[in-house]
Structures are given as C-alpha cells and as structure tokens.
Amino acid sequence: MKELLETIVKPLVENPEEVNVTLVEREDADVLELRVNPSDMGKVIGKQGRIAKAIRTVIRAAAMKDGKKIIVDIVE
C-alpha cells in the first residue's frame, strides 16, 4: 500500500523527491503517514479536501481487497 500511495501522490506534487510515506502498525488498523513539502500540501489536499478524500478512498478499497484496514494520515 505504501508504494501505491507514493504512485498516486508523486505526480500531483512539484517536489516528488520529498514525498515520504511511513507505515505505522496499530492493533485496529495500519496508518500510512504521508509527508510532502509544505508548498505541495494544498495540491495533495485539494479544494475542500476532495483530492485527499479520493486518495483515502482508493487506498481503503485496495486494502479491503487484501482484507486489511488502512488509514491515510496527511502530516504537516
């Protein structure tokens, strides 16, 4: 899932080399923490959070296919 998130986010930002995804495992669900350059934060979130919501939906659907629960957290 980490690679899928990177594949989705890198084309959206101006600084793809600064995209960093960290997997944090918890009991109830795994968390993918996404960090990007502060100047790219708006591009990842989108107007009214639409792009962030779409990214979370795609990752959640892919995780369900594998029988997992994954949460995407966009960290500043």
PDB file of N, CA and C in Angstrom:
ATOM      1  N   MET A   1       0.816  -1.200   0.000  1.00  0.00           N
ATOM      2  CA  MET A   1       0.000   0.000   0.000  1.00  0.00           C
ATOM      3  C   MET A   1       0.859   1.264   0.000  1.00  0.00           C
ATOM      4  N   LYS A   2       2.010   1.167   0.627  1.00  0.00           N
ATOM      5  CA  LYS A   2       2.928   2.304   0.689  1.00  0.00           C
ATOM      6  C   LYS A   2       3.323   2.741  -0.726  1.00  0.00           C
ATOM      7  N   GLU A   3       3.643   1.763  -1.570  1.00  0.00           N
ATOM      8  CA  GLU A   3       4.050   2.064  -2.948  1.00  0.00           C
ATOM      9  C   GLU A   3       2.892   2.651  -3.745  1.00  0.00           C
ATOM     10  N   LEU A   4       1.674   2.147  -3.505  1.00  0.00           N
ATOM     11  CA  LEU A   4       0.501   2.659  -4.201  1.00  0.00           C
ATOM     12  C   LEU A   4       0.272   4.123  -3.851  1.00  0.00           C
ATOM     13  N   LEU A   5       0.381   4.458  -2.571  1.00  0.00           N
ATOM     14  CA  LEU A   5       0.203   5.847  -2.140  1.00  0.00           C
ATOM     15  C   LEU A   5       1.250   6.754  -2.770  1.00  0.00           C
ATOM     16  N   GLU A   6       2.507   6.308  -2.801  1.00  0.00           N
ATOM     17  CA  GLU A   6       3.563   7.103  -3.434  1.00  0.00           C
ATOM     18  C   GLU A   6       3.273   7.296  -4.924  1.00  0.00           C
ATOM     19  N   THR A   7       2.806   6.248  -5.585  1.00  0.00           N
ATOM     20  CA  THR A   7       2.495   6.316  -7.016  1.00  0.00           C
ATOM     21  C   THR A   7       1.382   7.310  -7.294  1.00  0.00           C
ATOM     22  N   ILE A   8       0.418   7.395  -6.404  1.00  0.00           N
ATOM     23  CA  ILE A   8      -0.694   8.330  -6.584  1.00  0.00           C
ATOM     24  C   ILE A   8      -0.252   9.764  -6.334  1.00  0.00           C
ATOM     25  N   VAL A   9       0.555   9.989  -5.287  1.00  0.00           N
ATOM     26  CA  VAL A   9       0.861  11.351  -4.841  1.00  0.00           C
ATOM     27  C   VAL A   9       1.975  12.017  -5.648  1.00  0.00           C
ATOM     28  N   LYS A  10       2.997  11.276  -6.033  1.00  0.00           N
ATOM     29  CA  LYS A  10       4.153  11.894  -6.703  1.00  0.00           C
ATOM     30  C   LYS A  10       3.802  12.701  -7.953  1.00  0.00           C
ATOM     31  N   PRO A  11       2.909  12.253  -8.825  1.00  0.00           N
ATOM     32  CA  PRO A  11       2.578  13.088  -9.992  1.00  0.00           C
ATOM     33  C   PRO A  11       1.814  14.370  -9.638  1.00  0.00           C
ATOM     34  N   LEU A  12       1.236  14.433  -8.457  1.00  0.00           N
ATOM     35  CA  LEU A  12       0.446  15.596  -8.066  1.00  0.00           C
ATOM     36  C   LEU A  12       1.290  16.765  -7.570  1.00  0.00           C
ATOM     37  N   VAL A  13       2.481  16.477  -7.055  1.00  0.00           N
ATOM     38  CA  VAL A  13       3.282  17.499  -6.381  1.00  0.00           C
ATOM     39  C   VAL A  13       4.423  18.004  -7.267  1.00  0.00           C
ATOM     40  N   GLU A  14       4.949  19.178  -6.905  1.00  0.00           N
ATOM     41  CA  GLU A  14       6.082  19.755  -7.637  1.00  0.00           C
ATOM     42  C   GLU A  14       7.414  19.203  -7.152  1.00  0.00           C
ATOM     43  N   ASN A  15       7.450  18.674  -5.943  1.00  0.00           N
ATOM     44  CA  ASN A  15       8.676  18.123  -5.356  1.00  0.00           C
ATOM     45  C   ASN A  15       8.474  16.639  -5.029  1.00  0.00           C
ATOM     46  N   PRO A  16       8.435  15.769  -6.042  1.00  0.00           N
ATOM     47  CA  PRO A  16       8.160  14.349  -5.785  1.00  0.00           C
ATOM     48  C   PRO A  16       9.243  13.659  -4.962  1.00  0.00           C
ATOM     49  N   GLU A  17      10.447  14.199  -4.975  1.00  0.00           N
ATOM     50  CA  GLU A  17      11.520  13.579  -4.190  1.00  0.00           C
ATOM     51  C   GLU A  17      11.310  13.782  -2.687  1.00  0.00           C
ATOM     52  N   GLU A  18      10.433  14.707  -2.307  1.00  0.00           N
ATOM     53  CA  GLU A  18      10.167  14.976  -0.899  1.00  0.00           C
ATOM     54  C   GLU A  18       8.921  14.265  -0.380  1.00  0.00           C
ATOM     55  N   VAL A  19       8.329  13.401  -1.199  1.00  0.00           N
ATOM     56  CA  VAL A  19       7.188  12.614  -0.746  1.00  0.00           C
ATOM     57  C   VAL A  19       7.716  11.483   0.131  1.00  0.00           C
ATOM     58  N   ASN A  20       7.190  11.410   1.351  1.00  0.00           N
ATOM     59  CA  ASN A  20       7.644  10.403   2.312  1.00  0.00           C
ATOM     60  C   ASN A  20       6.422   9.715   2.916  1.00  0.00           C
ATOM     61  N   VAL A  21       6.382   8.385   2.811  1.00  0.00           N
ATOM     62  CA  VAL A  21       5.281   7.604   3.372  1.00  0.00           C
ATOM     63  C   VAL A  21       5.845   6.658   4.423  1.00  0.00           C
ATOM     64  N   THR A  22       5.262   6.712   5.620  1.00  0.00           N
ATOM     65  CA  THR A  22       5.693   5.865   6.726  1.00  0.00           C
ATOM     66  C   THR A  22       4.525   4.998   7.170  1.00  0.00           C
ATOM     67  N   LEU A  23       4.783   3.717   7.368  1.00  0.00           N
ATOM     68  CA  LEU A  23       3.751   2.795   7.845  1.00  0.00           C
ATOM     69  C   LEU A  23       3.856   2.647   9.352  1.00  0.00           C
ATOM     70  N   VAL A  24       2.752   2.933  10.050  1.00  0.00           N
ATOM     71  CA  VAL A  24       2.671   2.760  11.498  1.00  0.00           C
ATOM     72  C   VAL A  24       1.624   1.693  11.758  1.00  0.00           C
ATOM     73  N   GLU A  25       2.049   0.591  12.378  1.00  0.00           N
ATOM     74  CA  GLU A  25       1.130  -0.518  12.636  1.00  0.00           C
ATOM     75  C   GLU A  25       0.477  -0.354  13.994  1.00  0.00           C
ATOM     76  N   ARG A  26      -0.849  -0.454  14.004  1.00  0.00           N
ATOM     77  CA  ARG A  26      -1.620  -0.408  15.245  1.00  0.00           C
ATOM     78  C   ARG A  26      -2.460  -1.668  15.343  1.00  0.00           C
ATOM     79  N   GLU A  27      -3.087  -1.864  16.496  1.00  0.00           N
ATOM     80  CA  GLU A  27      -3.907  -3.058  16.682  1.00  0.00           C
ATOM     81  C   GLU A  27      -5.118  -3.072  15.762  1.00  0.00           C
ATOM     82  N   ASP A  28      -5.833  -1.948  15.708  1.00  0.00           N
ATOM     83  CA  ASP A  28      -7.076  -1.912  14.942  1.00  0.00           C
ATOM     84  C   ASP A  28      -6.877  -1.672  13.450  1.00  0.00           C
ATOM     85  N   ALA A  29      -5.844  -0.916  13.075  1.00  0.00           N
ATOM     86  CA  ALA A  29      -5.614  -0.603  11.660  1.00  0.00           C
ATOM     87  C   ALA A  29      -4.184  -0.105  11.470  1.00  0.00           C
ATOM     88  N   ASP A  30      -3.683  -0.274  10.258  1.00  0.00           N
ATOM     89  CA  ASP A  30      -2.380   0.295   9.912  1.00  0.00           C
ATOM     90  C   ASP A  30      -2.594   1.737   9.455  1.00  0.00           C
ATOM     91  N   VAL A  31      -1.635   2.597   9.749  1.00  0.00           N
ATOM     92  CA  VAL A  31      -1.720   4.004   9.373  1.00  0.00           C
ATOM     93  C   VAL A  31      -0.572   4.333   8.430  1.00  0.00           C
ATOM     94  N   LEU A  32      -0.905   4.903   7.279  1.00  0.00           N
ATOM     95  CA  LEU A  32       0.110   5.403   6.351  1.00  0.00           C
ATOM     96  C   LEU A  32       0.211   6.906   6.570  1.00  0.00           C
ATOM     97  N   GLU A  33       1.350   7.360   7.071  1.00  0.00           N
ATOM     98  CA  GLU A  33       1.571   8.788   7.296  1.00  0.00           C
ATOM     99  C   GLU A  33       2.243   9.372   6.060  1.00  0.00           C
ATOM    100  N   LEU A  34       1.581  10.315   5.436  1.00  0.00           N
ATOM    101  CA  LEU A  34       2.076  10.952   4.216  1.00  0.00           C
ATOM    102  C   LEU A  34       2.637  12.321   4.553  1.00  0.00           C
ATOM    103  N   ARG A  35       3.894  12.536   4.170  1.00  0.00           N
ATOM    104  CA  ARG A  35       4.539  13.845   4.352  1.00  0.00           C
ATOM    105  C   ARG A  35       4.992  14.353   2.992  1.00  0.00           C
ATOM    106  N   VAL A  36       4.680  15.620   2.729  1.00  0.00           N
ATOM    107  CA  VAL A  36       5.109  16.264   1.485  1.00  0.00           C
ATOM    108  C   VAL A  36       5.698  17.626   1.838  1.00  0.00           C
ATOM    109  N   ASN A  37       6.329  18.251   0.857  1.00  0.00           N
ATOM    110  CA  ASN A  37       6.847  19.600   1.040  1.00  0.00           C
ATOM    111  C   ASN A  37       5.670  20.515   1.398  1.00  0.00           C
ATOM    112  N   PRO A  38       5.857  21.426   2.357  1.00  0.00           N
ATOM    113  CA  PRO A  38       4.747  22.320   2.745  1.00  0.00           C
ATOM    114  C   PRO A  38       4.124  23.080   1.574  1.00  0.00           C
ATOM    115  N   SER A  39       4.902  23.403   0.560  1.00  0.00           N
ATOM    116  CA  SER A  39       4.337  24.116  -0.590  1.00  0.00           C
ATOM    117  C   SER A  39       3.430  23.219  -1.437  1.00  0.00           C
ATOM    118  N   ASP A  40       3.546  21.901  -1.281  1.00  0.00           N
ATOM    119  CA  ASP A  40       2.719  20.954  -2.032  1.00  0.00           C
ATOM    120  C   ASP A  40       1.497  20.482  -1.246  1.00  0.00           C
ATOM    121  N   MET A  41       1.355  20.925  -0.022  1.00  0.00           N
ATOM    122  CA  MET A  41       0.268  20.444   0.832  1.00  0.00           C
ATOM    123  C   MET A  41      -1.106  20.724   0.215  1.00  0.00           C
ATOM    124  N   GLY A  42      -1.284  21.888  -0.357  1.00  0.00           N
ATOM    125  CA  GLY A  42      -2.566  22.236  -0.971  1.00  0.00           C
ATOM    126  C   GLY A  42      -2.912  21.358  -2.157  1.00  0.00           C
ATOM    127  N   LYS A  43      -1.908  20.950  -2.898  1.00  0.00           N
ATOM    128  CA  LYS A  43      -2.138  20.087  -4.060  1.00  0.00           C
ATOM    129  C   LYS A  43      -2.588  18.695  -3.636  1.00  0.00           C
ATOM    130  N   VAL A  44      -2.097  18.230  -2.504  1.00  0.00           N
ATOM    131  CA  VAL A  44      -2.446  16.900  -2.014  1.00  0.00           C
ATOM    132  C   VAL A  44      -3.833  16.920  -1.361  1.00  0.00           C
ATOM    133  N   ILE A  45      -4.166  18.017  -0.698  1.00  0.00           N
ATOM    134  CA  ILE A  45      -5.463  18.108  -0.022  1.00  0.00           C
ATOM    135  C   ILE A  45      -6.565  18.485  -1.011  1.00  0.00           C
ATOM    136  N   GLY A  46      -6.314  19.451  -1.878  1.00  0.00           N
ATOM    137  CA  GLY A  46      -7.304  19.857  -2.873  1.00  0.00           C
ATOM    138  C   GLY A  46      -8.375  20.763  -2.291  1.00  0.00           C
ATOM    139  N   LYS A  47      -9.232  21.272  -3.168  1.00  0.00           N
ATOM    140  CA  LYS A  47     -10.322  22.147  -2.732  1.00  0.00           C
ATOM    141  C   LYS A  47     -11.290  21.358  -1.872  1.00  0.00           C
ATOM    142  N   GLN A  48     -11.543  21.880  -0.695  1.00  0.00           N
ATOM    143  CA  GLN A  48     -12.447  21.270   0.285  1.00  0.00           C
ATOM    144  C   GLN A  48     -12.068  19.820   0.594  1.00  0.00           C
ATOM    145  N   GLY A  49     -10.792  19.475   0.425  1.00  0.00           N
ATOM    146  CA  GLY A  49     -10.310  18.150   0.771  1.00  0.00           C
ATOM    147  C   GLY A  49     -10.691  17.052  -0.202  1.00  0.00           C
ATOM    148  N   ARG A  50     -11.092  17.419  -1.402  1.00  0.00           N
ATOM    149  CA  ARG A  50     -11.573  16.424  -2.371  1.00  0.00           C
ATOM    150  C   ARG A  50     -10.484  15.455  -2.821  1.00  0.00           C
ATOM    151  N   ILE A  51      -9.279  15.949  -3.077  1.00  0.00           N
ATOM    152  CA  ILE A  51      -8.198  15.060  -3.529  1.00  0.00           C
ATOM    153  C   ILE A  51      -7.783  14.127  -2.391  1.00  0.00           C
ATOM    154  N   ALA A  52      -7.675  14.663  -1.177  1.00  0.00           N
ATOM    155  CA  ALA A  52      -7.323  13.829  -0.026  1.00  0.00           C
ATOM    156  C   ALA A  52      -8.369  12.742   0.182  1.00  0.00           C
ATOM    157  N   LYS A  53      -9.631  13.091   0.037  1.00  0.00           N
ATOM    158  CA  LYS A  53     -10.713  12.111   0.190  1.00  0.00           C
ATOM    159  C   LYS A  53     -10.620  11.028  -0.877  1.00  0.00           C
ATOM    160  N   ALA A  54     -10.318  11.426  -2.109  1.00  0.00           N
ATOM    161  CA  ALA A  54     -10.190  10.456  -3.202  1.00  0.00           C
ATOM    162  C   ALA A  54      -9.012   9.514  -2.971  1.00  0.00           C
ATOM    163  N   ILE A  55      -7.896  10.061  -2.511  1.00  0.00           N
ATOM    164  CA  ILE A  55      -6.718   9.236  -2.213  1.00  0.00           C
ATOM    165  C   ILE A  55      -7.059   8.223  -1.123  1.00  0.00           C
ATOM    166  N   ARG A  56      -7.724   8.692  -0.069  1.00  0.00           N
ATOM    167  CA  ARG A  56      -8.097   7.787   1.023  1.00  0.00           C
ATOM    168  C   ARG A  56      -9.046   6.693   0.546  1.00  0.00           C
ATOM    169  N   THR A  57      -9.969   7.046  -0.342  1.00  0.00           N
ATOM    170  CA  THR A  57     -10.924   6.064  -0.866  1.00  0.00           C
ATOM    171  C   THR A  57     -10.218   4.982  -1.666  1.00  0.00           C
ATOM    172  N   VAL A  58      -9.282   5.361  -2.521  1.00  0.00           N
ATOM    173  CA  VAL A  58      -8.551   4.381  -3.337  1.00  0.00           C
ATOM    174  C   VAL A  58      -7.727   3.455  -2.454  1.00  0.00           C
ATOM    175  N   ILE A  59      -7.020   4.011  -1.478  1.00  0.00           N
ATOM    176  CA  ILE A  59      -6.186   3.194  -0.589  1.00  0.00           C
ATOM    177  C   ILE A  59      -7.061   2.266   0.253  1.00  0.00           C
ATOM    178  N   ARG A  60      -8.187   2.782   0.755  1.00  0.00           N
ATOM    179  CA  ARG A  60      -9.084   1.955   1.562  1.00  0.00           C
ATOM    180  C   ARG A  60      -9.639   0.789   0.737  1.00  0.00           C
ATOM    181  N   ALA A  61     -10.012   1.052  -0.516  1.00  0.00           N
ATOM    182  CA  ALA A  61     -10.543  -0.007  -1.380  1.00  0.00           C
ATOM    183  C   ALA A  61      -9.480  -1.065  -1.680  1.00  0.00           C
ATOM    184  N   ALA A  62      -8.263  -0.627  -1.940  1.00  0.00           N
ATOM    185  CA  ALA A  62      -7.180  -1.581  -2.207  1.00  0.00           C
ATOM    186  C   ALA A  62      -6.859  -2.405  -0.963  1.00  0.00           C
ATOM    187  N   ALA A  63      -6.949  -1.795   0.198  1.00  0.00           N
ATOM    188  CA  ALA A  63      -6.673  -2.506   1.447  1.00  0.00           C
ATOM    189  C   ALA A  63      -7.760  -3.531   1.741  1.00  0.00           C
ATOM    190  N   MET A  64      -9.008  -3.184   1.468  1.00  0.00           N
ATOM    191  CA  MET A  64     -10.110  -4.120   1.688  1.00  0.00           C
ATOM    192  C   MET A  64      -9.957  -5.359   0.818  1.00  0.00           C
ATOM    193  N   LYS A  65      -9.428  -5.163  -0.371  1.00  0.00           N
ATOM    194  CA  LYS A  65      -9.195  -6.290  -1.267  1.00  0.00           C
ATOM    195  C   LYS A  65      -8.232  -7.289  -0.618  1.00  0.00           C
ATOM    196  N   ASP A  66      -7.278  -6.772   0.151  1.00  0.00           N
ATOM    197  CA  ASP A  66      -6.307  -7.618   0.855  1.00  0.00           C
ATOM    198  C   ASP A  66      -6.782  -8.010   2.250  1.00  0.00           C
ATOM    199  N   GLY A  67      -7.986  -7.575   2.631  1.00  0.00           N
ATOM    200  CA  GLY A  67      -8.521  -7.909   3.946  1.00  0.00           C
ATOM    201  C   GLY A  67      -7.902  -7.113   5.074  1.00  0.00           C
ATOM    202  N   LYS A  68      -7.419  -5.913   4.783  1.00  0.00           N
ATOM    203  CA  LYS A  68      -6.784  -5.068   5.801  1.00  0.00           C
ATOM    204  C   LYS A  68      -7.563  -3.776   5.979  1.00  0.00           C
ATOM    205  N   LYS A  69      -7.251  -3.059   7.035  1.00  0.00           N
ATOM    206  CA  LYS A  69      -7.797  -1.729   7.245  1.00  0.00           C
ATOM    207  C   LYS A  69      -6.629  -0.758   7.320  1.00  0.00           C
ATOM    208  N   ILE A  70      -6.616   0.203   6.402  1.00  0.00           N
ATOM    209  CA  ILE A  70      -5.524   1.176   6.355  1.00  0.00           C
ATOM    210  C   ILE A  70      -6.105   2.581   6.374  1.00  0.00           C
ATOM    211  N   ILE A  71      -5.492   3.434   7.175  1.00  0.00           N
ATOM    212  CA  ILE A  71      -5.893   4.824   7.286  1.00  0.00           C
ATOM    213  C   ILE A  71      -4.767   5.681   6.713  1.00  0.00           C
ATOM    214  N   VAL A  72      -5.107   6.660   5.891  1.00  0.00           N
ATOM    215  CA  VAL A  72      -4.112   7.595   5.343  1.00  0.00           C
ATOM    216  C   VAL A  72      -4.180   8.882   6.150  1.00  0.00           C
ATOM    217  N   ASP A  73      -3.046   9.261   6.725  1.00  0.00           N
ATOM    218  CA  ASP A  73      -2.952  10.468   7.531  1.00  0.00           C
ATOM    219  C   ASP A  73      -1.959  11.408   6.860  1.00  0.00           C
ATOM    220  N   ILE A  74      -2.429  12.596   6.491  1.00  0.00           N
ATOM    221  CA  ILE A  74      -1.548  13.584   5.853  1.00  0.00           C
ATOM    222  C   ILE A  74      -0.971  14.455   6.956  1.00  0.00           C
ATOM    223  N   VAL A  75       0.354  14.368   7.141  1.00  0.00           N
ATOM    224  CA  VAL A  75       1.043  15.017   8.252  1.00  0.00           C
ATOM    225  C   VAL A  75       1.789  16.240   7.731  1.00  0.00           C
ATOM    226  N   GLU A  76       1.729  17.332   8.504  1.00  0.00           N
ATOM    227  CA  GLU A  76       2.466  18.539   8.113  1.00  0.00           C
ATOM    228  C   GLU A  76       3.912  18.419   8.503  1.00  0.00           C
TER     229      GLU A  76
END
